[in-house]
N, C-alpha and C. Protein backbone atom coordinates (compact mmCIF):
# COMPACT_ATOMS: atom_id res chain seq x y z
N UNK A 1 16.85 -13.72 -8.86
CA UNK A 1 17.71 -13.04 -7.73
C UNK A 1 16.47 -12.49 -7.39
N UNK A 2 16.15 -12.97 -6.19
CA UNK A 2 14.96 -12.83 -5.40
C UNK A 2 15.27 -10.70 -4.86
N UNK A 3 13.85 -10.07 -4.52
CA UNK A 3 14.17 -9.22 -4.18
C UNK A 3 12.53 -8.46 -3.87
N UNK A 4 12.55 -7.69 -2.85
CA UNK A 4 11.77 -7.18 -1.81
C UNK A 4 11.01 -5.96 -2.42
N UNK A 5 9.35 -5.29 -2.43
CA UNK A 5 8.89 -4.41 -2.59
C UNK A 5 8.90 -3.26 -1.52
N UNK A 6 9.26 -2.36 -1.85
CA UNK A 6 9.19 -1.18 -0.82
C UNK A 6 8.21 -0.09 -0.95
N UNK A 7 7.00 0.27 -0.10
CA UNK A 7 6.43 0.81 -0.36
C UNK A 7 6.38 2.31 0.50
N UNK A 8 6.47 3.56 0.40
CA UNK A 8 6.67 4.66 0.80
C UNK A 8 5.42 5.34 0.62
N UNK A 9 4.43 6.17 1.71
CA UNK A 9 3.55 6.70 1.48
C UNK A 9 3.64 7.58 1.86
N UNK A 10 3.15 8.89 1.06
CA UNK A 10 3.35 10.42 1.25
C UNK A 10 2.05 11.17 1.45
N UNK A 11 1.84 11.94 1.10
CA UNK A 11 0.82 12.95 1.68
C UNK A 11 -0.88 12.09 0.90
N UNK A 12 0.07 12.10 -0.61
CA UNK A 12 -0.85 11.71 -1.50
C UNK A 12 -1.02 10.78 -2.55
N UNK A 13 0.66 10.06 -2.68
CA UNK A 13 0.82 8.87 -3.37
C UNK A 13 1.93 8.16 -2.55
N UNK A 14 1.56 6.92 -3.21
CA UNK A 14 2.28 5.81 -3.22
C UNK A 14 3.56 5.53 -3.75
N UNK A 15 4.64 5.73 -3.16
CA UNK A 15 5.95 5.27 -4.35
C UNK A 15 6.56 3.71 -3.83
N UNK A 16 6.59 2.72 -4.96
CA UNK A 16 6.88 1.67 -4.93
C UNK A 16 8.22 1.39 -5.23
N UNK A 17 9.30 1.01 -4.74
CA UNK A 17 9.86 0.48 -5.11
C UNK A 17 10.92 -0.80 -5.25
N UNK A 18 11.87 -1.28 -6.17
CA UNK A 18 11.86 -2.72 -5.87
C UNK A 18 13.36 -2.92 -5.45
N UNK A 19 13.55 -3.41 -4.24
CA UNK A 19 14.79 -3.31 -3.77
C UNK A 19 15.52 -4.97 -4.23
N UNK A 20 16.86 -4.78 -4.77
CA UNK A 20 17.49 -6.16 -5.02
C UNK A 20 18.43 -6.33 -4.11
N UNK A 21 18.82 -5.38 -2.62
CA UNK A 21 19.84 -5.24 -1.91
C UNK A 21 20.02 -4.53 -0.79
N UNK A 22 20.41 -4.22 0.15
CA UNK A 22 20.57 -3.33 1.07
C UNK A 22 21.24 -1.71 0.14
N UNK A 23 20.81 -0.82 -0.10
CA UNK A 23 21.26 0.72 -1.12
C UNK A 23 21.08 0.12 -2.48
N UNK A 24 20.01 -0.44 -2.96
CA UNK A 24 20.37 -1.29 -4.26
C UNK A 24 18.68 -0.97 -4.32
N UNK A 25 18.38 0.19 -4.90
CA UNK A 25 16.30 0.14 -5.22
C UNK A 25 16.42 0.78 -6.31
N UNK A 26 15.14 0.37 -7.13
CA UNK A 26 14.71 1.43 -7.88
C UNK A 26 13.05 1.77 -8.05
N UNK A 27 13.13 2.75 -8.49
CA UNK A 27 11.27 2.79 -8.34
C UNK A 27 10.80 2.11 -9.10
N UNK A 28 9.72 1.84 -9.15
CA UNK A 28 8.88 0.89 -10.12
C UNK A 28 7.59 1.44 -10.42
N UNK A 29 7.12 2.52 -9.50
CA UNK A 29 6.07 3.21 -9.49
C UNK A 29 5.69 3.93 -8.72
N UNK A 30 4.62 5.30 -9.19
CA UNK A 30 4.27 6.20 -7.98
C UNK A 30 2.70 6.42 -8.56
N UNK A 31 2.33 6.40 -7.19
CA UNK A 31 0.51 5.78 -7.47
C UNK A 31 -0.18 6.71 -6.73
N UNK A 32 -1.26 7.42 -7.42
CA UNK A 32 -2.32 7.91 -6.63
C UNK A 32 -2.98 7.18 -5.64
N UNK A 33 -3.38 7.62 -4.34
CA UNK A 33 -4.25 6.32 -3.44
C UNK A 33 -5.22 7.77 -2.85
N UNK A 34 -6.48 6.81 -2.35
CA UNK A 34 -7.03 7.43 -0.86
C UNK A 34 -7.07 6.61 -0.07
N UNK A 35 -7.99 7.02 1.21
CA UNK A 35 -8.17 5.71 2.01
C UNK A 35 -9.52 6.54 2.55
N UNK A 36 -10.20 5.91 3.12
CA UNK A 36 -11.34 6.08 3.94
C UNK A 36 -11.56 4.83 5.58
N UNK A 37 -10.95 5.37 6.49
CA UNK A 37 -11.07 5.13 7.88
C UNK A 37 -12.48 4.86 8.33
N UNK A 38 -13.10 5.36 7.87
CA UNK A 38 -14.66 5.58 8.84
C UNK A 38 -14.97 4.13 8.21
N UNK A 39 -14.64 3.10 6.80
CA UNK A 39 -14.88 1.89 7.13
C UNK A 39 -14.82 0.79 7.72
N UNK A 40 -14.82 -0.10 7.81
CA UNK A 40 -14.42 -1.41 8.43
C UNK A 40 -14.60 -2.58 8.01
N UNK A 41 -13.58 -3.29 7.00
CA UNK A 41 -12.19 -2.90 7.59
C UNK A 41 -11.98 -1.61 6.69
N UNK A 42 -10.86 -0.79 7.52
CA UNK A 42 -10.49 0.42 6.13
C UNK A 42 -10.67 0.19 5.00
N UNK A 43 -10.76 1.00 4.09
CA UNK A 43 -10.77 1.07 2.49
C UNK A 43 -9.36 1.86 2.17
N UNK A 44 -9.05 1.04 1.03
CA UNK A 44 -7.61 2.23 0.35
C UNK A 44 -8.36 1.92 -0.90
N UNK A 45 -8.07 3.00 -1.90
CA UNK A 45 -8.04 2.93 -3.06
C UNK A 45 -7.02 3.25 -4.01
N UNK A 46 -6.18 2.40 -4.18
CA UNK A 46 -4.49 2.66 -5.66
C UNK A 46 -5.03 2.95 -7.05
N UNK A 47 -4.75 4.12 -7.43
CA UNK A 47 -4.77 4.25 -9.31
C UNK A 47 -3.37 4.41 -9.79
N UNK A 48 -3.06 3.00 -10.35
CA UNK A 48 -1.49 2.53 -10.34
C UNK A 48 -1.53 3.25 -12.30
N UNK A 49 -0.72 3.83 -12.60
CA UNK A 49 -0.71 4.25 -13.49
C UNK A 49 -0.82 6.02 -13.97
N UNK A 50 -1.16 6.63 -15.36
CA UNK A 50 -1.91 7.46 -16.11
C UNK A 50 -2.44 7.56 -16.94
N UNK A 51 -1.70 7.14 -17.91
CA UNK A 51 -2.34 6.88 -19.29
C UNK A 51 -3.58 5.76 -19.78
N UNK A 52 -3.54 4.70 -19.04
CA UNK A 52 -4.81 3.49 -18.72
C UNK A 52 -4.48 3.61 -17.11
N UNK A 53 -5.21 4.25 -16.83
CA UNK A 53 -5.08 3.36 -14.99
C UNK A 53 -5.53 2.30 -14.55
N UNK A 54 -5.17 1.69 -13.92
CA UNK A 54 -5.75 0.82 -13.33
C UNK A 54 -6.26 1.17 -12.12
N UNK A 55 -7.45 0.92 -11.63
CA UNK A 55 -7.92 1.03 -9.94
C UNK A 55 -8.16 0.11 -9.49
N UNK A 56 -7.58 0.11 -8.02
CA UNK A 56 -7.24 -1.61 -7.12
C UNK A 56 -7.88 -0.66 -6.12
N UNK A 57 -9.09 -1.85 -5.62
CA UNK A 57 -9.91 -1.16 -4.35
C UNK A 57 -9.25 -1.85 -3.32
N UNK A 58 -8.64 -1.96 -2.37
CA UNK A 58 -8.90 -2.81 -1.22
C UNK A 58 -8.68 -2.62 0.14
N UNK A 59 -8.10 -2.96 1.34
CA UNK A 59 -8.92 -3.18 2.38
C UNK A 59 -7.44 -3.06 3.24
N UNK A 60 -7.27 -2.02 4.80
CA UNK A 60 -6.29 -2.50 5.14
C UNK A 60 -6.61 -2.24 6.93
N UNK A 61 -5.77 -2.81 7.64
CA UNK A 61 -5.68 -2.48 8.98
C UNK A 61 -3.63 -2.68 9.33
N UNK A 62 -3.87 -1.68 10.84
CA UNK A 62 -2.56 -1.46 10.92
C UNK A 62 -2.11 -1.99 12.25
N UNK A 63 -1.19 -3.16 12.13
CA UNK A 63 -1.05 -3.72 13.32
C UNK A 63 0.00 -4.00 13.88
N UNK A 64 0.16 -3.15 14.76
CA UNK A 64 1.96 -2.95 15.38
C UNK A 64 2.57 -1.82 14.78
N UNK A 65 3.90 -2.61 13.56
CA UNK A 65 4.61 -1.77 12.81
C UNK A 65 4.22 -2.64 11.28
N UNK A 66 3.30 -3.01 11.31
CA UNK A 66 2.83 -3.64 9.68
C UNK A 66 1.58 -3.83 9.30
N UNK A 67 1.04 -2.93 7.70
CA UNK A 67 0.09 -2.44 7.50
C UNK A 67 0.13 -3.92 6.64
N UNK A 68 -1.17 -4.58 6.92
CA UNK A 68 -1.63 -5.53 6.42
C UNK A 68 -2.83 -4.86 4.91
N UNK A 69 -2.83 -5.56 4.09
CA UNK A 69 -3.42 -5.00 2.56
C UNK A 69 -3.81 -5.44 1.57
N UNK A 70 -5.41 -6.04 1.07
CA UNK A 70 -5.86 -6.74 0.08
C UNK A 70 -6.30 -6.20 -1.06
N UNK A 71 -5.80 -6.30 -1.92
CA UNK A 71 -6.64 -5.45 -3.10
C UNK A 71 -6.90 -6.52 -3.82
N UNK A 72 -7.97 -5.81 -4.97
CA UNK A 72 -8.74 -6.33 -5.98
C UNK A 72 -7.59 -5.82 -7.39
N UNK A 73 -6.99 -7.08 -7.57
CA UNK A 73 -6.01 -6.79 -9.03
C UNK A 73 -6.99 -6.97 -10.23
N UNK A 74 -6.66 -5.76 -10.88
CA UNK A 74 -7.20 -6.26 -12.20
C UNK A 74 -8.70 -5.94 -12.44
N UNK A 75 -9.24 -5.14 -11.48
CA UNK A 75 -10.33 -4.43 -11.28
C UNK A 75 -11.45 -4.75 -10.79
N UNK A 76 -11.08 -6.12 -10.08
CA UNK A 76 -12.42 -6.52 -9.37
C UNK A 76 -12.88 -5.56 -7.79
N UNK A 77 -13.32 -6.33 -7.64
CA UNK A 77 -14.67 -5.95 -6.42
C UNK A 77 -13.79 -5.25 -5.20
N UNK A 78 -14.48 -4.65 -4.65
CA UNK A 78 -12.84 -4.61 -3.29
C UNK A 78 -13.14 -5.58 -2.41
N UNK A 79 -11.89 -6.33 -1.33
CA UNK A 79 -12.56 -7.23 -0.68
C UNK A 79 -13.52 -7.10 0.46
N UNK A 80 -13.54 -8.03 1.00
CA UNK A 80 -14.43 -7.68 2.79
C UNK A 80 -13.87 -7.54 3.58
N UNK A 81 -13.05 -9.45 3.22
CA UNK A 81 -12.11 -9.07 4.68
C UNK A 81 -10.69 -10.16 4.46
N UNK A 82 -10.12 -10.12 5.01
CA UNK A 82 -8.42 -10.69 4.92
C UNK A 82 -8.60 -12.02 4.68
N UNK A 83 -9.69 -12.98 5.16
CA UNK A 83 -9.71 -14.11 5.04
C UNK A 83 -7.92 -14.79 5.90
N UNK A 84 -7.63 -16.03 5.11
CA UNK A 84 -6.82 -16.80 6.01
C UNK A 84 -5.40 -16.21 4.94
N UNK A 85 -5.38 -15.75 3.53
CA UNK A 85 -4.12 -15.74 2.67
C UNK A 85 -4.49 -14.79 1.85
N UNK A 86 -3.76 -14.64 0.83
CA UNK A 86 -3.91 -13.83 -0.26
C UNK A 86 -4.25 -12.02 0.08
N UNK A 87 -3.03 -11.64 1.07
CA UNK A 87 -3.48 -10.45 1.03
C UNK A 87 -1.44 -10.08 1.52
N UNK A 88 -0.84 -8.90 1.62
CA UNK A 88 0.21 -8.49 1.59
C UNK A 88 0.34 -7.60 3.31
N UNK A 89 1.51 -8.65 3.89
CA UNK A 89 1.95 -7.75 4.30
C UNK A 89 3.39 -6.92 4.68
N UNK A 90 3.10 -5.27 5.36
CA UNK A 90 4.25 -4.69 4.95
C UNK A 90 4.88 -4.05 6.43
N UNK A 91 5.76 -4.61 6.26
CA UNK A 91 6.41 -3.54 7.29
C UNK A 91 7.56 -2.78 7.18
N UNK A 92 7.03 -1.51 8.73
CA UNK A 92 8.08 -0.27 8.65
C UNK A 92 9.19 -0.22 8.86
N UNK A 93 9.45 0.47 7.85
CA UNK A 93 10.92 0.21 8.16
C UNK A 93 11.67 1.70 8.29
N UNK A 94 12.22 2.19 8.87
CA UNK A 94 12.95 3.44 8.84
C UNK A 94 12.52 4.24 10.45
N UNK A 95 12.61 5.35 9.82
CA UNK A 95 11.95 6.48 10.74
C UNK A 95 11.10 7.04 10.23
N UNK A 96 10.70 7.77 11.29
CA UNK A 96 9.01 8.59 11.31
C UNK A 96 9.51 9.85 10.78
N UNK A 97 8.67 10.45 10.07
CA UNK A 97 8.75 11.91 9.69
C UNK A 97 7.64 12.86 10.74
N UNK A 98 6.90 12.04 11.09
CA UNK A 98 5.82 12.96 11.97
C UNK A 98 4.48 11.43 11.92
N UNK A 99 3.75 11.86 13.03
CA UNK A 99 2.65 10.97 13.14
C UNK A 99 2.32 10.05 12.33
N UNK A 100 1.30 9.42 11.74
CA UNK A 100 0.36 8.92 10.81
C UNK A 100 -0.91 9.78 11.06
N UNK A 101 -1.64 10.26 9.76
CA UNK A 101 -2.30 10.96 9.94
C UNK A 101 -3.81 10.01 9.59
N UNK A 102 -4.98 10.90 8.77
CA UNK A 102 -5.92 10.38 8.28
C UNK A 102 -5.82 10.64 6.72
N UNK A 103 -4.61 11.05 5.76
CA UNK A 103 -4.32 11.08 4.49
C UNK A 103 -3.57 9.98 4.02
N UNK A 104 -2.95 8.76 4.85
CA UNK A 104 -2.01 8.10 4.44
C UNK A 104 -2.54 6.49 5.96
N UNK A 105 -2.10 5.72 5.66
CA UNK A 105 -1.96 4.37 6.21
C UNK A 105 -1.25 4.46 7.49
N UNK A 106 -0.21 4.56 6.85
CA UNK A 106 1.11 3.87 7.50
C UNK A 106 2.08 4.96 7.07
N UNK A 107 2.91 5.27 8.05
CA UNK A 107 4.31 5.72 7.60
C UNK A 107 5.45 5.75 8.59
């Protein structure tokens, strides 16, 4: 059965949930992240896990209500551009609880 991933950005964490159906989701992970909006494209670094963390270096851009994200999975070098494929597009859902700021890529 297909499912979707939902990412929730807080001040210093990104919470990833597996959404099986509306109202039926399960938290998959809580990960630390940092961003650098002075870079072009903007940088995001996500630290997955705590005991043996995986560092995912990535780039992102916000286009309307979409977060375009490309990460190096498995510890590779940070991507330098989005190319034509192999990146995620996350759509904003729900209500904002305040304006986005330099501490998170999208709210």
